[in-house]
Protein backbone atom coordinates (compact mmCIF):
# COMPACT_ATOMS: atom_id res chain seq x y z
CA MET A 1 0.23 0.42 0.01
CA ARG A 2 2.83 2.38 0.80
CA GLN A 3 4.33 2.05 -2.66
CA GLU A 4 1.10 3.03 -4.49
CA MET A 5 2.42 6.86 -5.50
CA ALA A 6 5.90 5.56 -6.40
CA LYS A 7 4.30 3.15 -9.00
CA LYS A 8 2.14 6.09 -10.13
CA GLY A 9 5.29 8.13 -10.36
CA LEU A 10 7.08 5.18 -12.27
CA TYR A 11 4.24 5.05 -15.04
CA ALA A 12 4.15 8.53 -15.58
CA GLY A 13 7.65 9.28 -15.61
CA THR A 14 8.06 6.38 -18.10
CA GLY A 15 5.39 7.81 -20.09
CA ALA A 16 6.52 11.01 -20.35
CA GLY A 17 9.96 9.46 -21.31
CA LEU A 18 8.45 7.84 -24.01
CA ILE A 19 6.88 10.94 -25.21
CA LEU A 20 10.04 12.70 -24.83
CA PHE A 21 12.08 10.01 -26.45
CA ALA A 22 9.57 10.32 -29.96
CA LEU A 23 9.82 13.94 -29.94
CA VAL A 24 13.37 14.86 -29.09
CA GLY A 25 15.65 11.53 -28.95
CA LEU A 26 14.76 9.53 -31.99
CA LEU A 27 16.58 11.63 -34.71
CA PRO A 28 19.59 12.90 -32.78
CA GLY A 29 20.35 9.16 -31.23
CA SER A 30 19.91 8.04 -35.16
CA LEU A 31 22.22 10.59 -36.36
CA ILE A 32 25.02 10.17 -33.65
CA GLY A 33 25.03 6.41 -34.22
CA GLY A 34 25.17 6.67 -37.93
CA VAL A 35 28.20 9.09 -37.42
CA VAL A 36 30.02 6.66 -34.92
CA GLY A 37 29.07 3.80 -37.68
CA LEU A 38 30.74 6.05 -40.58
CA LYS A 39 33.80 6.45 -38.29
CA LEU A 40 34.11 2.99 -37.58
CA ALA A 41 33.55 1.89 -41.04
CA GLY A 42 36.14 4.44 -42.50
CA LEU A 43 38.45 2.79 -40.03
CA VAL A 44 38.01 -0.49 -40.73
CA PHE A 45 37.87 -0.49 -44.79
CA GLY A 46 39.41 2.95 -45.78
CA THR A 47 37.98 6.57 -45.86
CA PRO A 48 36.18 6.62 -49.03
CA LEU A 49 33.72 4.04 -48.31
CA LYS A 50 32.87 1.69 -51.14
CA GLY A 51 29.53 0.47 -51.34
CA LEU A 52 30.03 -2.71 -49.42
CA VAL A 53 27.58 -4.50 -47.61
CA ILE A 54 29.37 -5.11 -44.46
CA ALA A 55 29.97 -1.22 -44.22
CA ARG A 56 26.19 -0.56 -44.48
CA ILE A 57 25.38 -3.18 -42.04
CA MET A 58 27.80 -1.79 -39.71
CA VAL A 59 26.43 1.66 -40.34
CA ALA A 60 23.10 0.30 -39.76
CA ALA A 61 23.64 -1.38 -36.51
CA SER A 62 25.32 1.61 -34.94
CA MET A 63 22.23 3.46 -35.67
CA ILE A 64 19.92 1.31 -34.27
CA VAL A 65 22.51 1.10 -30.98
CA GLY A 66 22.19 5.09 -30.93
CA VAL A 67 18.39 4.99 -31.19
CA LEU A 68 18.30 2.13 -28.22
CA GLY A 69 21.03 3.58 -26.07
CA ALA A 70 18.61 7.47 -26.62
CA ALA A 71 15.46 5.30 -25.69
CA VAL A 72 17.16 3.96 -22.47
CA VAL A 73 18.53 7.32 -21.68
CA PHE A 74 15.14 9.13 -21.96
CA VAL A 75 12.72 6.35 -20.44
CA LEU A 76 14.99 4.95 -17.81
CA GLY A 77 16.07 8.68 -16.66
CA THR A 78 12.16 9.78 -16.48
CA GLY A 79 11.11 6.62 -15.05
CA ILE A 80 13.63 6.57 -12.05
CA PHE A 81 12.71 10.13 -11.80
CA GLY A 82 9.33 9.57 -11.51
CA TRP A 83 9.51 6.72 -9.20
CA SER A 84 11.83 8.64 -6.88
CA LEU A 85 9.35 11.50 -6.45
CA GLY A 86 6.50 9.22 -5.92
CA TYR A 87 8.55 7.53 -3.40
CA ILE A 88 9.26 10.96 -1.70
CA VAL A 89 5.67 11.72 -1.69
CA ASP A 90 4.75 8.28 -0.20
CA ALA A 91 7.57 8.89 2.64
CA LEU A 92 6.03 12.43 3.41
CA LYS A 93 2.26 11.01 3.25
CA SER A 94 3.01 8.22 5.67
CA GLY A 95 5.16 10.36 7.87
CA LYS A 96 2.09 12.61 8.63
CA GLU A 97 -0.28 9.37 8.87
CA MET A 98 1.95 8.07 11.85
CA GLU A 99 2.27 11.72 13.35
CA GLU A 100 -1.40 11.55 13.30
CA GLU A 101 -2.02 8.34 15.08
CA VAL A 102 0.27 9.09 17.98
CA PRO A 103 -2.09 9.51 21.27
CA GLN A 104 -1.85 12.99 22.83
CA GLU A 105 -0.73 11.44 25.80
CA VAL A 106 2.33 10.08 24.15
CA ARG A 107 3.32 13.50 22.57
CA HIS A 108 3.88 15.08 26.07
């Protein structure tokens, strides 16, 4: 019962992270991954890249890794932030509830 707000915060943070990833993380992740893939393929096969299939596979794989990395950063980061915010709210709520349950004779 105590973790209810933490769960809600996790869901809200993850949803916000998915939206942020779709709006601002997808294209830069693909771009950065593609540049890294081009650099790696250039190091392996020489700078003027020819139309080799393996070079194209390297670039595509690095683009996918870039997109997945951006997704992990956005979704996991905002999910953890939302969970921690919900956990803090839960802790504050339960602290006040515990304070209200203490009888008057014990407080003095």
